[in-house]
Amino acid sequence: MAKLNGASTLPAEAQRFLMRYRTFLTEMTEAEASEATIALVYKSYYAEMGGVGTPPKFARVRASRRVQRHRVPTAARPRPKPASARSAGKTRLPVALIFICLVVVYVGFSIFWR
């Protein structure tokens, strides 16, 4: 948001974190400033959720340059049926035939109930 000049639309608390981040940037590198700001947000969130004392350590996740695609195991993948198996199986009734049957049933009931 700060890089997009949208900081004025942020809530007051978020603007305070952004100001602290900018202060950290003058004192340290961008990576260290980001890490310090994340730690600050984490501590604030921990206290807001009712945590007492120092918050537990959070795991740092390093971004890797390689992104791996999630693979579904071969046995769990649904296998499409061959085209010949679909056509050789059950034949579907056309929609018009079903509609005509419903009309016949409706007319039959209406005549029966008179």
Protein backbone atom coordinates (compact mmCIF):
# COMPACT_ATOMS: atom_id res chain seq x y z
CA MET A 1 0.00 0.00 0.00
CA ALA A 2 2.81 2.36 0.81
CA LYS A 3 4.43 1.77 -2.56
CA LEU A 4 1.11 2.46 -4.30
CA ASN A 5 0.58 5.74 -2.40
CA GLY A 6 -2.52 4.32 -0.76
CA ALA A 7 -1.34 4.82 2.81
CA SER A 8 -3.93 7.50 3.50
CA THR A 9 -6.73 4.95 3.12
CA LEU A 10 -5.26 2.64 5.75
CA PRO A 11 -6.68 2.49 9.28
CA ALA A 12 -4.88 4.50 11.97
CA GLU A 13 -3.15 1.46 13.46
CA ALA A 14 -1.86 0.36 10.06
CA GLN A 15 -0.58 3.88 9.40
CA ARG A 16 1.34 3.73 12.69
CA PHE A 17 2.96 0.46 11.61
CA LEU A 18 3.83 2.04 8.28
CA MET A 19 5.45 5.01 10.00
CA ARG A 20 7.46 2.64 12.21
CA TYR A 21 8.53 0.74 9.08
CA ARG A 22 9.73 3.95 7.47
CA THR A 23 11.64 4.78 10.66
CA PHE A 24 13.21 1.33 10.61
CA LEU A 25 14.23 1.88 6.98
CA THR A 26 16.35 4.87 7.95
CA GLU A 27 18.14 2.79 10.57
CA MET A 28 18.60 -0.58 8.83
CA THR A 29 18.32 -2.44 5.54
CA GLU A 30 14.98 -3.13 3.88
CA ALA A 31 15.01 -6.83 4.78
CA GLU A 32 15.78 -6.09 8.44
CA ALA A 33 13.17 -3.33 8.52
CA SER A 34 10.55 -5.66 7.08
CA GLU A 35 11.42 -8.34 9.60
CA ALA A 36 11.32 -5.87 12.50
CA THR A 37 7.94 -4.54 11.36
CA ILE A 38 6.52 -8.04 11.04
CA ALA A 39 7.72 -8.82 14.57
CA LEU A 40 6.11 -5.60 15.79
CA VAL A 41 2.79 -6.43 14.14
CA TYR A 42 2.98 -9.96 15.55
CA LYS A 43 3.54 -8.68 19.10
CA SER A 44 0.70 -6.21 18.74
CA TYR A 45 -1.67 -8.90 17.44
CA TYR A 46 -0.64 -11.27 20.25
CA ALA A 47 -1.41 -8.62 22.87
CA GLU A 48 -4.69 -7.69 21.18
CA MET A 49 -5.84 -11.32 21.21
CA GLY A 50 -5.27 -11.55 24.94
CA GLY A 51 -1.74 -12.89 25.07
CA VAL A 52 0.22 -12.11 28.20
CA GLY A 53 3.97 -11.65 28.30
CA THR A 54 6.23 -12.17 25.35
CA PRO A 55 4.67 -13.87 22.35
CA PRO A 56 5.96 -17.27 21.29
CA LYS A 57 8.54 -17.38 18.53
CA PHE A 58 7.11 -17.57 15.04
CA ALA A 59 8.68 -19.65 12.33
CA ARG A 60 10.47 -17.77 9.62
CA VAL A 61 9.70 -19.04 6.18
CA ARG A 62 12.22 -18.34 3.49
CA ALA A 63 10.87 -17.86 0.03
CA SER A 64 12.43 -20.13 -2.50
CA ARG A 65 12.95 -19.12 -6.06
CA ARG A 66 11.56 -22.38 -7.37
CA VAL A 67 7.84 -22.89 -7.15
CA GLN A 68 6.68 -26.46 -7.30
CA ARG A 69 3.32 -27.39 -8.68
CA HIS A 70 1.07 -29.33 -6.34
CA ARG A 71 0.65 -32.82 -7.71
CA VAL A 72 -2.35 -34.99 -7.00
CA PRO A 73 -1.42 -38.63 -6.46
CA THR A 74 -2.18 -40.80 -9.48
CA ALA A 75 -4.63 -42.99 -7.58
CA ALA A 76 -6.64 -39.97 -6.38
CA ARG A 77 -7.08 -38.42 -9.82
CA PRO A 78 -10.49 -38.95 -11.37
CA ARG A 79 -10.09 -40.74 -14.65
CA PRO A 80 -12.39 -39.73 -17.47
CA LYS A 81 -14.39 -42.50 -19.07
CA PRO A 82 -13.67 -43.28 -22.68
CA ALA A 83 -16.14 -41.88 -25.20
CA SER A 84 -17.27 -45.34 -26.28
CA ALA A 85 -18.19 -46.30 -22.70
CA ARG A 86 -20.38 -43.22 -22.32
CA SER A 87 -22.38 -43.80 -25.48
CA ALA A 88 -22.71 -47.57 -24.95
CA GLY A 89 -24.08 -47.11 -21.42
CA LYS A 90 -27.48 -45.71 -20.47
CA THR A 91 -29.28 -43.71 -23.09
CA ARG A 92 -30.60 -40.40 -21.87
CA LEU A 93 -34.18 -39.35 -22.42
CA PRO A 94 -34.48 -36.13 -24.35
CA VAL A 95 -35.72 -33.16 -22.37
CA ALA A 96 -38.74 -32.72 -24.65
CA LEU A 97 -39.92 -36.28 -23.93
CA ILE A 98 -39.69 -35.70 -20.19
CA PHE A 99 -41.61 -32.42 -20.53
CA ILE A 100 -44.36 -34.12 -22.57
CA CYS A 101 -44.68 -36.85 -19.92
CA LEU A 102 -45.04 -34.22 -17.19
CA VAL A 103 -47.76 -32.43 -19.19
CA VAL A 104 -49.66 -35.71 -19.69
CA VAL A 105 -49.46 -36.49 -15.97
CA TYR A 106 -50.64 -32.96 -15.08
CA VAL A 107 -53.58 -33.10 -17.51
CA GLY A 108 -54.47 -36.58 -16.27
CA PHE A 109 -54.57 -35.44 -12.66
CA SER A 110 -56.58 -32.33 -13.49
CA ILE A 111 -59.21 -34.40 -15.37
CA PHE A 112 -59.26 -37.04 -12.61
CA TRP A 113 -59.89 -34.51 -9.82
CA ARG A 114 -62.93 -32.91 -11.59
